[in-house]
Amino acid sequence: MKYEEWFPEINSDVFKDLREKILIPNSNFVQDCHPIKYLLREVGIEPFFFSDFFEE
């Protein structure tokens, strides 16, 4: 399912830019398996599971 279908209230140009500028040029990140905690940190979401916290 496309982002546009999940979020019809958001202008579809945003998703077009997202694909062209971030997702497609960095597609190697999608194919590599990275822990979700890195995404959570980037978007500023507090971790929920103990495994999503970073060691300090």
C-alpha atoms as a PDB file:
ATOM      1  CA  MET A   1       0.000   0.000   0.000  1.00  0.00           C
ATOM      2  CA  LYS A   2       1.382   3.418  -0.949  1.00  0.00           C
ATOM      3  CA  TYR A   3       1.884   6.202   1.577  1.00  0.00           C
ATOM      4  CA  GLU A   4      -0.694   8.228  -0.333  1.00  0.00           C
ATOM      5  CA  GLU A   5      -3.302   5.575   0.405  1.00  0.00           C
ATOM      6  CA  TRP A   6      -2.407   5.361   4.099  1.00  0.00           C
ATOM      7  CA  PHE A   7      -2.406   9.142   4.545  1.00  0.00           C
ATOM      8  CA  PRO A   8      -4.901  10.665   2.072  1.00  0.00           C
ATOM      9  CA  GLU A   9      -5.047  13.910   4.062  1.00  0.00           C
ATOM     10  CA  ILE A  10      -1.376  14.679   3.274  1.00  0.00           C
ATOM     11  CA  ASN A  11      -0.439  16.290  -0.025  1.00  0.00           C
ATOM     12  CA  SER A  12       0.908  13.555  -2.310  1.00  0.00           C
ATOM     13  CA  ASP A  13       3.782  15.821  -3.417  1.00  0.00           C
ATOM     14  CA  VAL A  14       5.324  15.292   0.011  1.00  0.00           C
ATOM     15  CA  PHE A  15       5.570  11.558  -0.618  1.00  0.00           C
ATOM     16  CA  LYS A  16       6.898  12.123  -4.128  1.00  0.00           C
ATOM     17  CA  ASP A  17       9.713  14.271  -2.702  1.00  0.00           C
ATOM     18  CA  LEU A  18      10.330  11.718   0.028  1.00  0.00           C
ATOM     19  CA  ARG A  19      10.812   8.970  -2.537  1.00  0.00           C
ATOM     20  CA  GLU A  20      12.968  11.028  -4.902  1.00  0.00           C
ATOM     21  CA  LYS A  21      15.214  12.690  -2.332  1.00  0.00           C
ATOM     22  CA  ILE A  22      15.467  10.153   0.486  1.00  0.00           C
ATOM     23  CA  LEU A  23      14.074   6.688  -0.121  1.00  0.00           C
ATOM     24  CA  ILE A  24      15.348   5.967  -3.624  1.00  0.00           C
ATOM     25  CA  PRO A  25      18.885   7.407  -3.193  1.00  0.00           C
ATOM     26  CA  ASN A  26      19.204   5.577   0.131  1.00  0.00           C
ATOM     27  CA  SER A  27      17.547   2.332  -0.894  1.00  0.00           C
ATOM     28  CA  ASN A  28      20.533   0.400   0.438  1.00  0.00           C
ATOM     29  CA  PHE A  29      19.315   1.327   3.938  1.00  0.00           C
ATOM     30  CA  VAL A  30      15.972  -0.313   3.237  1.00  0.00           C
ATOM     31  CA  GLN A  31      17.596  -3.533   2.100  1.00  0.00           C
ATOM     32  CA  ASP A  32      19.939  -3.647   5.084  1.00  0.00           C
ATOM     33  CA  CYS A  33      18.315  -4.608   8.346  1.00  0.00           C
ATOM     34  CA  HIS A  34      18.679  -1.776  10.875  1.00  0.00           C
ATOM     35  CA  PRO A  35      17.169  -1.788  14.350  1.00  0.00           C
ATOM     36  CA  ILE A  36      14.024   0.324  14.691  1.00  0.00           C
ATOM     37  CA  LYS A  37      15.634   2.261  17.533  1.00  0.00           C
ATOM     38  CA  TYR A  38      17.618   4.319  15.010  1.00  0.00           C
ATOM     39  CA  LEU A  39      14.425   5.416  13.267  1.00  0.00           C
ATOM     40  CA  LEU A  40      12.773   6.221  16.602  1.00  0.00           C
ATOM     41  CA  ARG A  41      15.745   8.364  17.590  1.00  0.00           C
ATOM     42  CA  GLU A  42      15.745  10.226  14.258  1.00  0.00           C
ATOM     43  CA  VAL A  43      12.073  11.166  14.409  1.00  0.00           C
ATOM     44  CA  GLY A  44      12.120  11.923  18.141  1.00  0.00           C
ATOM     45  CA  ILE A  45       9.809   9.150  19.350  1.00  0.00           C
ATOM     46  CA  GLU A  46      10.404   7.813  22.838  1.00  0.00           C
ATOM     47  CA  PRO A  47      11.285   4.103  22.792  1.00  0.00           C
ATOM     48  CA  PHE A  48       8.637   1.728  24.072  1.00  0.00           C
ATOM     49  CA  PHE A  49      10.409  -1.616  24.265  1.00  0.00           C
ATOM     50  CA  PHE A  50      13.467  -2.105  26.428  1.00  0.00           C
ATOM     51  CA  SER A  51      15.426  -3.278  23.377  1.00  0.00           C
ATOM     52  CA  ASP A  52      14.761   0.046  21.614  1.00  0.00           C
ATOM     53  CA  PHE A  53      16.741   2.038  24.177  1.00  0.00           C
ATOM     54  CA  PHE A  54      20.395   2.861  23.546  1.00  0.00           C
ATOM     55  CA  GLU A  55      23.041   1.759  26.005  1.00  0.00           C
ATOM     56  CA  GLU A  56      24.468   4.713  27.913  1.00  0.00           C
END
